[in-house]
Amino acid sequence: MRHLARLIVICVTVLRYGLDELALSSFRQPWVRLAVRVGTIGRTLDAPRGERLRKGLERLGPIFVKFGQVLSTRRDLLPADLADELAKLQDDVPPFPAAQSRALVEKAFGRPIDEVFARFDAEPVASASIAQVHFAQLKDGREVAVKVLRPGMLEVIDDDLALLRTIARWVERLSVDGKRLKPREVVAEFDNHLHDELDLVREAANAAQLRRNMEGLNLIMVPEMVWPLCTQNVIVMERMNGVPISQMQRLVEAGVDIPKLARDGVTIFFTQVFRDGFFHADMHPGNIQVSLAPATFGRYIALDFGIVGTLTESDKQYLAHNFIAFFRRDYKRVAELHLESGWVPPGTRVDALEGAIRAVCEPHFDRPLKDISLGQVLLRLFQTSRRFNVEIQPQLVLLQKTLLNVEGLGRQLDPELDLWNTAKPFLERWMNEQVGWRGLLDHLKVEAPRYVQLLPQLPRLLHRALQPRPAVDAQMIAALLDEQQRRHRGGPWRSLAWVGAGVVLGAAAALVVLLTWPL
């Protein structure tokens, strides 16, 4: 009955906002198209389709809101108008009761809340679809923030995910664009993302990694986790005091250097991506504050670490080479990089891919650099790559989404921000460090522990290398050949058997040689 009631609510919402017309418009079956036309009779659907989709997801509740947020990052799959509208989804969710939050904290720690905190504010300071946050004070006087997972989330999520999987199967089976959009893969990605967010210890670990990576940069602050008080459902962290970055007037009045703040944001992003390969992937204004404390004045404060992106060394090398080739308008090199990465089928013509990339990039370069959107160029490149059957990697889609957020935030702070000129020296310096003498020294430092282990073995290895190679017993091989000739008169099958035996013995002799070959 619970599932049936939920399904009825979903159906009513779908009809109210015309989501059936939106979802089924690409289906190839005539009866489906007829049903859509009949279903729209008597309904007024004047609002744009993106707005209707956003409002429908908001009405369906926090799980569908979160799904819309995740879906908005897949700009390689969605039309621009839908992606832009879904990006407006906010986690403005009513908080659950204070008494319930208090009970959840006590259950997580296994003791009364007064034994853990000197003060626990009943009123939450933030409430999202997955959790809400309370301020508190520890017994030792430290001010902290307590993040509490919403109760019953796992059951709700599993129920709604089951419905989403069913919808995805039908879309993939009936829609013209079903296979290209990969709805089941999108739902599976959402499933993994949500279950990761339900484990708050994972978020705490992400924060600890970012804090460690950003030490010494002096541009961004990450709260310290209170590990003895971190569980799967409740985590406690250092309380951060700052001004939301969206409150520009307060920052200006406080004397913050806004253009420098915009440049610092670009530096932080590219440092996380290319130096660390581990970046905060949810950089919207609600998760960013600016410190006004004298000791840390003008520094960023990062919050909410449920979504992070990771890049391998090959990913970083590929991206850096691509960006630098873009800056130099070397479109042939961009096409070659696509082939070298294995994302494009081997038979793809380089000149055809080069021409498509040139068509994407050249219109942007004819404009002033400060007006060029690096994120939009990357987005157009992903869309163009679809013609060449390029498999877009999920980690790069997340990177592209974050780049759009960072670029939009930077332009909001400083309309004159030139992301290209800000990023180019950083990337060129990073590449020089990777391939120059400094890069060589860094790699030697990484490999040093292995060299230390090998050094004591060098005399023994040198001694073995100077020993004469063992020769194969020539007499044994001659005897085998004589026996083979003698047996040859016994018929073809016997001869074949002895030839096989000779091959086996020869392979064994070769194996002996290989095993005793000097290292």
Foldseek 3Di string as FASTA:
>chain_A
DVLVVLVVQLVVLCLQLVVLCVLQVQFDDPVSVVVSVVSCPPHDNPDDNLQSQQVSQVSSAQLSLLLLCLVLLPLLQDDPSNSVSSVPRDFQDDDDFLVVQQVQLCVQLVHHPVVFFVFWDSDFPDGGRFWTKTWTAGPVGATKIKIFGDPPPVVVNVSVLVVQQVVLVVCLVGGPCSVVNVSNVSSVVSVVLVVLLLFVVNLLVLLVVLQVLCPPVLAEHGWHWPVVSHGRGMTMTGDDDFAQLVPLVVCVVLPAPLLVLLLSLLVQLCCCCQVPQKAQLPPASVQWGADCDPVSHGHIYGHDRSDMFGDDNLRNVLVLQLLLCLVVVVLLSNLVSCVVVVQFPVPDDSVVSSVLLCVLRVVQVVDPQLPHQPLVSVSSNSNSCVVRNGDDDPSVSSVSSSSNNSSVSSCVSPVSDRSSVSCVVVSVVSVCCCPHPVVVVVVCVVCVVVVVVCVVCVVVLVVLQPDDQDDQDPVVLVVLVVVLVVCVVVDDVSNVVSVVVSVVVVVVSVVVRVVSHRD
